[in-house]
Amino acid sequence: MRQQQDELLQTLKTRFDQHMHRHPGLSWSLVEDRLARHPAALAALAEMEATGGEPDVIAHDEASGSISFWDCSPESPAGRRSICYDRAAWEARKENKPRSSAEEVASGMGVALLSEEQYRHLQTLGEFDRKTSSWIATPPEVRKLGGALFCDRRYGRVFVYHNGAESYYAARGFRGLLSV
């Protein structure tokens, strides 16, 4: 168990060091200290890593000390694709139900789906989802009408789309965030 945690921390540190533009002015020692004070966060980060999310530090709230890890894999995490939006959408499908839903998987991992604003910010740090797409947190007024939102990057632009929440595709997953 300790060896796995050490390996995860080394992976996170290496990624942190390789992508300093995602967290300018932040030191790894601050991140490591925060994680040491919140050891339960390592389980969520391990799951983000295991499902292909390549989590990295994106935000730091100086007032609270909170540090946010977001999925930074080039494409939507492979271990979280082919799922519909939420449990209600899953239950609404009569046939060919997906294995789960984005909200359920995220909740089980201890993470949240990125919002549209967060997704757009992520895209300022690199080019993500050029071949895939990712479900994002959907406003209640859209969800109430049966829809859900997803994003991708095509033609050098970030697009926000809608789909029936019960839809699922092999190239659509979700990007999560964990605030520690």
N, C-alpha and C. Protein backbone atom coordinates (compact mmCIF):
# COMPACT_ATOMS: atom_id res chain seq x y z
N MET A 1 0.83 -1.19 0.00
CA MET A 1 0.00 0.00 0.00
C MET A 1 0.87 1.26 0.00
N ARG A 2 1.87 1.28 0.88
CA ARG A 2 2.76 2.45 0.96
C ARG A 2 3.54 2.61 -0.33
N GLN A 3 3.96 1.49 -0.92
CA GLN A 3 4.72 1.55 -2.17
C GLN A 3 3.85 2.13 -3.29
N GLN A 4 2.56 1.75 -3.34
CA GLN A 4 1.65 2.28 -4.36
C GLN A 4 1.46 3.78 -4.18
N GLN A 5 1.33 4.22 -2.93
CA GLN A 5 1.18 5.66 -2.67
C GLN A 5 2.44 6.42 -3.10
N ASP A 6 3.60 5.86 -2.79
CA ASP A 6 4.85 6.50 -3.18
C ASP A 6 4.97 6.59 -4.70
N GLU A 7 4.57 5.51 -5.39
CA GLU A 7 4.61 5.51 -6.86
C GLU A 7 3.64 6.55 -7.43
N LEU A 8 2.44 6.64 -6.84
CA LEU A 8 1.47 7.64 -7.29
C LEU A 8 2.02 9.05 -7.08
N LEU A 9 2.56 9.31 -5.90
CA LEU A 9 3.12 10.63 -5.62
C LEU A 9 4.25 10.97 -6.59
N GLN A 10 5.07 9.99 -6.92
CA GLN A 10 6.15 10.24 -7.87
C GLN A 10 5.59 10.54 -9.26
N THR A 11 4.57 9.82 -9.67
CA THR A 11 3.92 10.08 -10.96
C THR A 11 3.34 11.49 -10.99
N LEU A 12 2.65 11.86 -9.92
CA LEU A 12 2.06 13.20 -9.84
C LEU A 12 3.13 14.28 -9.85
N LYS A 13 4.21 14.06 -9.12
CA LYS A 13 5.30 15.04 -9.07
C LYS A 13 5.95 15.20 -10.45
N THR A 14 6.20 14.09 -11.11
CA THR A 14 6.79 14.15 -12.45
C THR A 14 5.90 14.94 -13.40
N ARG A 15 4.61 14.66 -13.38
CA ARG A 15 3.67 15.39 -14.24
C ARG A 15 3.63 16.87 -13.85
N PHE A 16 3.61 17.15 -12.57
CA PHE A 16 3.62 18.52 -12.06
C PHE A 16 4.84 19.27 -12.61
N ASP A 17 6.01 18.65 -12.52
CA ASP A 17 7.24 19.28 -12.97
C ASP A 17 7.27 19.47 -14.49
N GLN A 18 6.67 18.55 -15.23
CA GLN A 18 6.68 18.62 -16.69
C GLN A 18 5.70 19.65 -17.25
N HIS A 19 4.74 20.08 -16.44
CA HIS A 19 3.69 20.99 -16.93
C HIS A 19 3.53 22.19 -16.00
N MET A 20 4.61 22.87 -15.74
CA MET A 20 4.58 24.01 -14.82
C MET A 20 3.65 25.13 -15.30
N HIS A 21 3.39 25.19 -16.60
CA HIS A 21 2.47 26.23 -17.13
C HIS A 21 1.04 26.05 -16.62
N ARG A 22 0.72 24.87 -16.11
CA ARG A 22 -0.63 24.64 -15.58
C ARG A 22 -0.80 25.19 -14.17
N HIS A 23 0.30 25.45 -13.48
CA HIS A 23 0.25 25.90 -12.08
C HIS A 23 1.43 26.82 -11.78
N PRO A 24 1.52 27.94 -12.49
CA PRO A 24 2.67 28.83 -12.30
C PRO A 24 2.76 29.33 -10.86
N GLY A 25 3.98 29.38 -10.36
CA GLY A 25 4.23 29.90 -9.04
C GLY A 25 3.94 28.94 -7.89
N LEU A 26 3.47 27.75 -8.20
CA LEU A 26 3.13 26.78 -7.16
C LEU A 26 4.28 25.78 -7.02
N SER A 27 4.60 25.42 -5.79
CA SER A 27 5.68 24.46 -5.57
C SER A 27 5.12 23.08 -5.24
N TRP A 28 5.86 22.05 -5.63
CA TRP A 28 5.44 20.69 -5.32
C TRP A 28 5.37 20.47 -3.82
N SER A 29 6.25 21.09 -3.06
CA SER A 29 6.26 20.89 -1.61
C SER A 29 4.93 21.35 -0.99
N LEU A 30 4.35 22.40 -1.52
CA LEU A 30 3.04 22.86 -1.03
C LEU A 30 1.96 21.82 -1.34
N VAL A 31 2.01 21.26 -2.55
CA VAL A 31 1.05 20.23 -2.95
C VAL A 31 1.22 18.98 -2.09
N GLU A 32 2.45 18.56 -1.93
CA GLU A 32 2.74 17.36 -1.15
C GLU A 32 2.29 17.53 0.31
N ASP A 33 2.51 18.71 0.85
CA ASP A 33 2.08 18.99 2.22
C ASP A 33 0.55 18.91 2.33
N ARG A 34 -0.14 19.47 1.36
CA ARG A 34 -1.60 19.44 1.36
C ARG A 34 -2.11 18.00 1.29
N LEU A 35 -1.50 17.19 0.43
CA LEU A 35 -1.89 15.79 0.31
C LEU A 35 -1.61 15.02 1.59
N ALA A 36 -0.51 15.34 2.27
CA ALA A 36 -0.18 14.66 3.53
C ALA A 36 -1.24 14.95 4.59
N ARG A 37 -1.84 16.14 4.53
CA ARG A 37 -2.88 16.49 5.50
C ARG A 37 -4.26 15.97 5.10
N HIS A 38 -4.38 15.45 3.87
CA HIS A 38 -5.65 14.90 3.38
C HIS A 38 -5.38 13.55 2.70
N PRO A 39 -4.98 12.56 3.46
CA PRO A 39 -4.58 11.28 2.86
C PRO A 39 -5.69 10.57 2.08
N ALA A 40 -6.94 10.83 2.41
CA ALA A 40 -8.04 10.19 1.68
C ALA A 40 -8.06 10.62 0.21
N ALA A 41 -7.50 11.79 -0.07
CA ALA A 41 -7.48 12.28 -1.45
C ALA A 41 -6.64 11.38 -2.35
N LEU A 42 -5.68 10.69 -1.78
CA LEU A 42 -4.83 9.81 -2.60
C LEU A 42 -5.62 8.70 -3.27
N ALA A 43 -6.67 8.21 -2.62
CA ALA A 43 -7.49 7.17 -3.23
C ALA A 43 -8.19 7.69 -4.47
N ALA A 44 -8.73 8.90 -4.39
CA ALA A 44 -9.39 9.50 -5.56
C ALA A 44 -8.38 9.77 -6.66
N LEU A 45 -7.21 10.28 -6.31
CA LEU A 45 -6.17 10.52 -7.31
C LEU A 45 -5.69 9.22 -7.95
N ALA A 46 -5.59 8.17 -7.16
CA ALA A 46 -5.21 6.86 -7.69
C ALA A 46 -6.24 6.38 -8.71
N GLU A 47 -7.51 6.60 -8.41
CA GLU A 47 -8.57 6.18 -9.34
C GLU A 47 -8.55 7.05 -10.60
N MET A 48 -8.31 8.34 -10.43
CA MET A 48 -8.19 9.22 -11.61
C MET A 48 -7.06 8.73 -12.50
N GLU A 49 -5.95 8.38 -11.89
CA GLU A 49 -4.78 7.88 -12.64
C GLU A 49 -5.08 6.53 -13.28
N ALA A 50 -5.67 5.61 -12.51
CA ALA A 50 -5.93 4.26 -13.01
C ALA A 50 -6.90 4.23 -14.18
N THR A 51 -7.80 5.19 -14.26
CA THR A 51 -8.78 5.23 -15.36
C THR A 51 -8.31 6.09 -16.53
N GLY A 52 -7.05 6.55 -16.47
CA GLY A 52 -6.47 7.25 -17.61
C GLY A 52 -6.59 8.75 -17.58
N GLY A 53 -6.92 9.33 -16.44
CA GLY A 53 -7.16 10.77 -16.37
C GLY A 53 -5.92 11.65 -16.34
N GLU A 54 -4.77 11.10 -15.96
CA GLU A 54 -3.54 11.88 -15.85
C GLU A 54 -3.77 13.18 -15.06
N PRO A 55 -4.19 13.07 -13.78
CA PRO A 55 -4.49 14.28 -13.01
C PRO A 55 -3.27 15.15 -12.78
N ASP A 56 -3.51 16.46 -12.81
CA ASP A 56 -2.46 17.43 -12.53
C ASP A 56 -3.08 18.59 -11.78
N VAL A 57 -2.24 19.35 -11.09
CA VAL A 57 -2.70 20.52 -10.35
C VAL A 57 -3.03 21.63 -11.33
N ILE A 58 -4.24 22.17 -11.21
CA ILE A 58 -4.68 23.25 -12.09
C ILE A 58 -5.00 24.51 -11.31
N ALA A 59 -5.50 24.38 -10.10
CA ALA A 59 -5.92 25.57 -9.35
C ALA A 59 -5.45 25.49 -7.90
N HIS A 60 -5.19 26.67 -7.36
CA HIS A 60 -4.81 26.79 -5.95
C HIS A 60 -5.52 28.01 -5.37
N ASP A 61 -6.30 27.78 -4.34
CA ASP A 61 -6.99 28.88 -3.65
C ASP A 61 -6.13 29.26 -2.45
N GLU A 62 -5.48 30.40 -2.55
CA GLU A 62 -4.57 30.82 -1.49
C GLU A 62 -5.29 31.06 -0.17
N ALA A 63 -6.53 31.55 -0.23
CA ALA A 63 -7.27 31.85 1.00
C ALA A 63 -7.54 30.59 1.82
N SER A 64 -8.01 29.54 1.15
CA SER A 64 -8.34 28.30 1.87
C SER A 64 -7.20 27.29 1.86
N GLY A 65 -6.26 27.47 0.95
CA GLY A 65 -5.17 26.50 0.79
C GLY A 65 -5.54 25.35 -0.13
N SER A 66 -6.78 25.31 -0.60
CA SER A 66 -7.27 24.22 -1.44
C SER A 66 -6.49 24.14 -2.75
N ILE A 67 -6.19 22.90 -3.13
CA ILE A 67 -5.51 22.62 -4.39
C ILE A 67 -6.42 21.73 -5.21
N SER A 68 -6.58 22.04 -6.49
CA SER A 68 -7.46 21.26 -7.36
C SER A 68 -6.67 20.51 -8.42
N PHE A 69 -6.93 19.22 -8.48
CA PHE A 69 -6.39 18.35 -9.53
C PHE A 69 -7.48 18.14 -10.56
N TRP A 70 -7.14 18.28 -11.83
CA TRP A 70 -8.08 18.03 -12.92
C TRP A 70 -7.48 16.97 -13.83
N ASP A 71 -8.35 16.23 -14.51
CA ASP A 71 -7.87 15.28 -15.52
C ASP A 71 -7.26 16.04 -16.68
N CYS A 72 -6.02 15.69 -17.02
CA CYS A 72 -5.31 16.38 -18.10
C CYS A 72 -4.86 15.44 -19.20
N SER A 73 -5.47 14.28 -19.30
CA SER A 73 -5.12 13.36 -20.38
C SER A 73 -5.47 14.02 -21.72
N PRO A 74 -4.70 13.74 -22.76
CA PRO A 74 -4.98 14.37 -24.05
C PRO A 74 -6.40 14.12 -24.55
N GLU A 75 -6.90 12.91 -24.33
CA GLU A 75 -8.27 12.56 -24.71
C GLU A 75 -9.06 12.22 -23.46
N SER A 76 -10.37 12.19 -23.58
CA SER A 76 -11.23 11.84 -22.44
C SER A 76 -10.75 10.51 -21.86
N PRO A 77 -10.61 10.42 -20.54
CA PRO A 77 -10.03 9.22 -19.93
C PRO A 77 -10.65 7.91 -20.43
N ALA A 78 -9.81 7.05 -20.95
CA ALA A 78 -10.26 5.81 -21.59
C ALA A 78 -11.05 4.92 -20.65
N GLY A 79 -10.73 4.90 -19.38
CA GLY A 79 -11.43 4.04 -18.43
C GLY A 79 -12.76 4.58 -17.98
N ARG A 80 -13.19 5.71 -18.55
CA ARG A 80 -14.46 6.32 -18.16
C ARG A 80 -15.32 6.67 -19.36
N ARG A 81 -15.20 5.92 -20.42
CA ARG A 81 -16.00 6.18 -21.63
C ARG A 81 -17.16 5.20 -21.73
N SER A 82 -18.01 5.45 -22.72
CA SER A 82 -19.17 4.60 -23.00
C SER A 82 -20.14 4.57 -21.83
N ILE A 83 -20.38 5.73 -21.25
CA ILE A 83 -21.34 5.86 -20.15
C ILE A 83 -22.27 7.02 -20.43
N CYS A 84 -23.50 6.91 -19.96
CA CYS A 84 -24.45 7.99 -20.13
C CYS A 84 -24.20 9.06 -19.07
N TYR A 85 -25.08 10.06 -18.98
CA TYR A 85 -24.80 11.19 -18.10
C TYR A 85 -25.05 10.92 -16.62
N ASP A 86 -26.25 10.42 -16.26
CA ASP A 86 -26.56 10.23 -14.83
C ASP A 86 -27.45 8.99 -14.63
N ARG A 87 -27.76 8.70 -13.40
CA ARG A 87 -28.54 7.51 -13.06
C ARG A 87 -29.94 7.55 -13.69
N ALA A 88 -30.56 8.72 -13.67
CA ALA A 88 -31.90 8.84 -14.27
C ALA A 88 -31.85 8.49 -15.76
N ALA A 89 -30.81 8.94 -16.45
CA ALA A 89 -30.66 8.62 -17.87
C ALA A 89 -30.44 7.12 -18.06
N TRP A 90 -29.62 6.53 -17.20
CA TRP A 90 -29.36 5.10 -17.26
C TRP A 90 -30.67 4.32 -17.09
N GLU A 91 -31.47 4.72 -16.10
CA GLU A 91 -32.73 4.03 -15.84
C GLU A 91 -33.73 4.22 -16.98
N ALA A 92 -33.65 5.34 -17.69
CA ALA A 92 -34.59 5.62 -18.78
C ALA A 92 -34.33 4.75 -20.01
N ARG A 93 -33.15 4.23 -20.15
CA ARG A 93 -32.85 3.37 -21.31
C ARG A 93 -33.57 2.05 -21.16
N LYS A 94 -34.25 1.66 -22.20
CA LYS A 94 -34.98 0.38 -22.18
C LYS A 94 -34.06 -0.77 -22.58
N GLU A 95 -33.15 -0.53 -23.51
CA GLU A 95 -32.24 -1.56 -24.01
C GLU A 95 -30.82 -1.01 -24.06
N ASN A 96 -29.88 -1.93 -24.18
CA ASN A 96 -28.48 -1.56 -24.38
C ASN A 96 -27.99 -0.52 -23.37
N LYS A 97 -28.25 -0.81 -22.13
CA LYS A 97 -27.82 0.13 -21.09
C LYS A 97 -26.30 0.14 -21.00
N PRO A 98 -25.72 1.33 -20.81
CA PRO A 98 -24.27 1.38 -20.59
C PRO A 98 -23.94 0.80 -19.22
N ARG A 99 -22.69 0.57 -18.94
CA ARG A 99 -22.31 -0.02 -17.66
C ARG A 99 -22.58 0.90 -16.49
N SER A 100 -22.59 2.21 -16.71
CA SER A 100 -22.84 3.16 -15.63
C SER A 100 -23.08 4.54 -16.21
N SER A 101 -22.97 5.55 -15.36
CA SER A 101 -23.15 6.93 -15.80
C SER A 101 -21.99 7.79 -15.30
N ALA A 102 -21.77 8.92 -15.96
CA ALA A 102 -20.67 9.81 -15.59
C ALA A 102 -20.80 10.29 -14.16
N GLU A 103 -21.99 10.72 -13.76
CA GLU A 103 -22.16 11.23 -12.40
C GLU A 103 -21.93 10.14 -11.36
N GLU A 104 -22.39 8.93 -11.64
CA GLU A 104 -22.20 7.83 -10.68
C GLU A 104 -20.73 7.44 -10.56
N VAL A 105 -20.05 7.34 -11.69
CA VAL A 105 -18.64 6.98 -11.66
C VAL A 105 -17.84 8.07 -10.94
N ALA A 106 -18.13 9.32 -11.27
CA ALA A 106 -17.43 10.44 -10.61
C ALA A 106 -17.65 10.40 -9.10
N SER A 107 -18.89 10.22 -8.69
CA SER A 107 -19.21 10.18 -7.27
C SER A 107 -18.48 9.02 -6.58
N GLY A 108 -18.45 7.87 -7.22
CA GLY A 108 -17.77 6.72 -6.67
C GLY A 108 -16.27 6.93 -6.54
N MET A 109 -15.72 7.75 -7.41
CA MET A 109 -14.29 8.06 -7.36
C MET A 109 -13.99 9.16 -6.35
N GLY A 110 -15.02 9.92 -5.98
CA GLY A 110 -14.80 11.04 -5.08
C GLY A 110 -14.41 12.32 -5.80
N VAL A 111 -14.80 12.43 -7.07
CA VAL A 111 -14.49 13.62 -7.87
C VAL A 111 -15.78 14.22 -8.41
N ALA A 112 -15.67 15.39 -9.03
CA ALA A 112 -16.80 16.05 -9.66
C ALA A 112 -16.51 16.24 -11.14
N LEU A 113 -17.56 16.35 -11.95
CA LEU A 113 -17.39 16.66 -13.36
C LEU A 113 -16.98 18.12 -13.51
N LEU A 114 -16.15 18.39 -14.51
CA LEU A 114 -15.80 19.78 -14.79
C LEU A 114 -17.03 20.55 -15.24
N SER A 115 -17.10 21.82 -14.90
CA SER A 115 -18.15 22.70 -15.41
C SER A 115 -17.73 23.20 -16.79
N GLU A 116 -18.62 23.87 -17.49
CA GLU A 116 -18.26 24.44 -18.79
C GLU A 116 -17.12 25.43 -18.62
N GLU A 117 -17.20 26.28 -17.63
CA GLU A 117 -16.15 27.28 -17.39
C GLU A 117 -14.80 26.60 -17.11
N GLN A 118 -14.81 25.57 -16.30
CA GLN A 118 -13.58 24.84 -16.00
C GLN A 118 -13.03 24.15 -17.24
N TYR A 119 -13.91 23.56 -18.03
CA TYR A 119 -13.48 22.89 -19.26
C TYR A 119 -12.81 23.89 -20.20
N ARG A 120 -13.44 25.04 -20.35
CA ARG A 120 -12.86 26.08 -21.21
C ARG A 120 -11.50 26.54 -20.68
N HIS A 121 -11.37 26.65 -19.35
CA HIS A 121 -10.08 27.03 -18.78
C HIS A 121 -9.03 25.96 -19.07
N LEU A 122 -9.40 24.69 -18.91
CA LEU A 122 -8.48 23.61 -19.20
C LEU A 122 -7.94 23.74 -20.62
N GLN A 123 -8.80 24.11 -21.55
CA GLN A 123 -8.40 24.21 -22.96
C GLN A 123 -7.42 25.37 -23.20
N THR A 124 -7.30 26.30 -22.26
CA THR A 124 -6.29 27.36 -22.40
C THR A 124 -4.91 26.84 -22.03
N LEU A 125 -4.85 25.67 -21.41
CA LEU A 125 -3.59 25.10 -20.95
C LEU A 125 -3.04 24.04 -21.90
N GLY A 126 -3.77 23.74 -22.95
CA GLY A 126 -3.36 22.74 -23.93
C GLY A 126 -4.53 22.42 -24.83
N GLU A 127 -4.34 21.42 -25.67
CA GLU A 127 -5.41 20.98 -26.56
C GLU A 127 -5.86 19.60 -26.10
N PHE A 128 -7.10 19.53 -25.66
CA PHE A 128 -7.66 18.30 -25.10
C PHE A 128 -8.90 17.90 -25.88
N ASP A 129 -9.18 16.61 -25.91
CA ASP A 129 -10.38 16.07 -26.58
C ASP A 129 -10.43 16.45 -28.06
N ARG A 130 -9.34 16.22 -28.77
CA ARG A 130 -9.34 16.48 -30.21
C ARG A 130 -9.95 15.32 -30.99
N LYS A 131 -10.07 14.14 -30.36
CA LYS A 131 -10.69 12.98 -31.00
C LYS A 131 -11.85 12.43 -30.18
N THR A 132 -11.97 12.85 -28.94
CA THR A 132 -13.01 12.36 -28.04
C THR A 132 -13.85 13.55 -27.57
N SER A 133 -14.78 13.28 -26.68
CA SER A 133 -15.57 14.34 -26.05
C SER A 133 -15.78 13.97 -24.60
N SER A 134 -16.16 14.97 -23.79
CA SER A 134 -16.32 14.75 -22.35
C SER A 134 -17.61 15.37 -21.85
N TRP A 135 -18.39 14.57 -21.11
CA TRP A 135 -19.55 15.11 -20.42
C TRP A 135 -19.07 16.19 -19.45
N ILE A 136 -19.87 17.24 -19.27
CA ILE A 136 -19.57 18.26 -18.28
C ILE A 136 -20.79 18.42 -17.38
N ALA A 137 -20.59 19.05 -16.22
CA ALA A 137 -21.70 19.30 -15.31
C ALA A 137 -22.78 20.09 -16.07
N THR A 138 -23.98 19.59 -16.02
CA THR A 138 -25.09 20.16 -16.79
C THR A 138 -26.02 20.94 -15.89
N PRO A 139 -26.38 22.16 -16.30
CA PRO A 139 -27.32 22.95 -15.49
C PRO A 139 -28.65 22.22 -15.32
N PRO A 140 -29.27 22.35 -14.14
CA PRO A 140 -30.54 21.65 -13.87
C PRO A 140 -31.63 21.93 -14.90
N GLU A 141 -31.68 23.16 -15.41
CA GLU A 141 -32.74 23.48 -16.38
C GLU A 141 -32.58 22.71 -17.69
N VAL A 142 -31.35 22.38 -18.05
CA VAL A 142 -31.11 21.57 -19.25
C VAL A 142 -31.41 20.11 -18.94
N ARG A 143 -30.94 19.67 -17.80
CA ARG A 143 -31.16 18.27 -17.42
C ARG A 143 -32.64 17.96 -17.25
N LYS A 144 -33.38 18.90 -16.70
CA LYS A 144 -34.81 18.71 -16.48
C LYS A 144 -35.55 18.44 -17.80
N LEU A 145 -35.03 18.95 -18.89
CA LEU A 145 -35.64 18.76 -20.21
C LEU A 145 -35.12 17.51 -20.92
N GLY A 146 -34.27 16.73 -20.22
CA GLY A 146 -33.79 15.47 -20.79
C GLY A 146 -32.41 15.53 -21.42
N GLY A 147 -31.81 16.72 -21.44
CA GLY A 147 -30.52 16.87 -22.08
C GLY A 147 -29.36 16.85 -21.12
N ALA A 148 -28.18 16.79 -21.68
CA ALA A 148 -26.94 16.91 -20.93
C ALA A 148 -25.90 17.52 -21.87
N LEU A 149 -24.89 18.15 -21.30
CA LEU A 149 -23.89 18.86 -22.09
C LEU A 149 -22.58 18.09 -22.14
N PHE A 150 -21.89 18.24 -23.26
CA PHE A 150 -20.55 17.69 -23.41
C PHE A 150 -19.73 18.65 -24.25
N CYS A 151 -18.42 18.50 -24.19
CA CYS A 151 -17.51 19.40 -24.90
C CYS A 151 -16.44 18.62 -25.63
N ASP A 152 -15.83 19.29 -26.59
CA ASP A 152 -14.64 18.78 -27.25
C ASP A 152 -13.92 19.95 -27.92
N ARG A 153 -12.81 19.63 -28.55
CA ARG A 153 -12.04 20.64 -29.28
C ARG A 153 -11.90 20.16 -30.72
N ARG A 154 -12.38 20.96 -31.64
CA ARG A 154 -12.28 20.66 -33.06
C ARG A 154 -11.99 21.97 -33.79
N TYR A 155 -11.24 21.87 -34.89
CA TYR A 155 -10.98 23.03 -35.73
C TYR A 155 -10.39 24.20 -34.95
N GLY A 156 -9.59 23.90 -33.92
CA GLY A 156 -8.96 24.93 -33.13
C GLY A 156 -9.89 25.67 -32.19
N ARG A 157 -11.10 25.14 -31.99
CA ARG A 157 -12.09 25.79 -31.12
C ARG A 157 -12.65 24.80 -30.11
N VAL A 158 -13.16 25.33 -29.01
CA VAL A 158 -13.83 24.51 -28.01
C VAL A 158 -15.33 24.60 -28.28
N PHE A 159 -15.98 23.45 -28.37
CA PHE A 159 -17.41 23.41 -28.62
C PHE A 159 -18.14 22.82 -27.42
N VAL A 160 -19.29 23.37 -27.13
CA VAL A 160 -20.21 22.83 -26.13
C VAL A 160 -21.43 22.36 -26.89
N TYR A 161 -21.82 21.12 -26.66
CA TYR A 161 -22.95 20.53 -27.36
C TYR A 161 -23.95 19.99 -26.35
N HIS A 162 -25.05 19.51 -26.90
CA HIS A 162 -26.05 18.84 -26.07
C HIS A 162 -26.39 17.50 -26.70
N ASN A 163 -26.87 16.62 -25.88
CA ASN A 163 -27.31 15.30 -26.31
C ASN A 163 -28.37 14.84 -25.32
N GLY A 164 -29.13 13.84 -25.69
CA GLY A 164 -29.98 13.23 -24.69
C GLY A 164 -29.08 12.63 -23.63
N ALA A 165 -29.43 12.82 -22.37
CA ALA A 165 -28.57 12.36 -21.27
C ALA A 165 -28.38 10.85 -21.28
N GLU A 166 -29.30 10.12 -21.92
CA GLU A 166 -29.19 8.66 -21.93
C GLU A 166 -28.25 8.16 -23.01
N SER A 167 -27.76 9.05 -23.89
CA SER A 167 -26.86 8.61 -24.95
C SER A 167 -25.48 8.27 -24.38
N TYR A 168 -24.79 7.41 -25.10
CA TYR A 168 -23.42 7.11 -24.73
C TYR A 168 -22.66 6.67 -25.97
N TYR A 169 -21.38 6.97 -25.98
CA TYR A 169 -20.54 6.70 -27.14
C TYR A 169 -19.18 6.21 -26.68
N ALA A 170 -18.53 5.41 -27.52
CA ALA A 170 -17.22 4.87 -27.18
C ALA A 170 -16.17 5.96 -27.02
N ALA A 171 -16.38 7.10 -27.63
CA ALA A 171 -15.40 8.18 -27.56
C ALA A 171 -15.82 9.30 -26.59
N ARG A 172 -16.83 9.07 -25.77
CA ARG A 172 -17.23 10.10 -24.80
C ARG A 172 -17.11 9.57 -23.39
N GLY A 173 -16.41 10.32 -22.57
CA GLY A 173 -16.26 10.01 -21.15
C GLY A 173 -16.51 11.26 -20.35
N PHE A 174 -15.72 11.47 -19.33
CA PHE A 174 -15.81 12.71 -18.58
C PHE A 174 -14.47 13.03 -17.94
N ARG A 175 -14.26 14.29 -17.69
CA ARG A 175 -13.07 14.78 -16.99
C ARG A 175 -13.50 15.18 -15.58
N GLY A 176 -12.73 14.74 -14.62
CA GLY A 176 -13.07 15.04 -13.24
C GLY A 176 -12.12 16.01 -12.59
N LEU A 177 -12.54 16.50 -11.44
CA LEU A 177 -11.70 17.36 -10.63
C LEU A 177 -11.83 16.94 -9.17
N LEU A 178 -10.72 17.11 -8.48
CA LEU A 178 -10.65 16.81 -7.06
C LEU A 178 -10.02 18.00 -6.37
N SER A 179 -10.75 18.57 -5.41
CA SER A 179 -10.19 19.66 -4.62
C SER A 179 -9.77 19.10 -3.27
N VAL A 180 -8.53 19.38 -2.92
CA VAL A 180 -7.94 18.88 -1.68
C VAL A 180 -7.64 20.04 -0.75
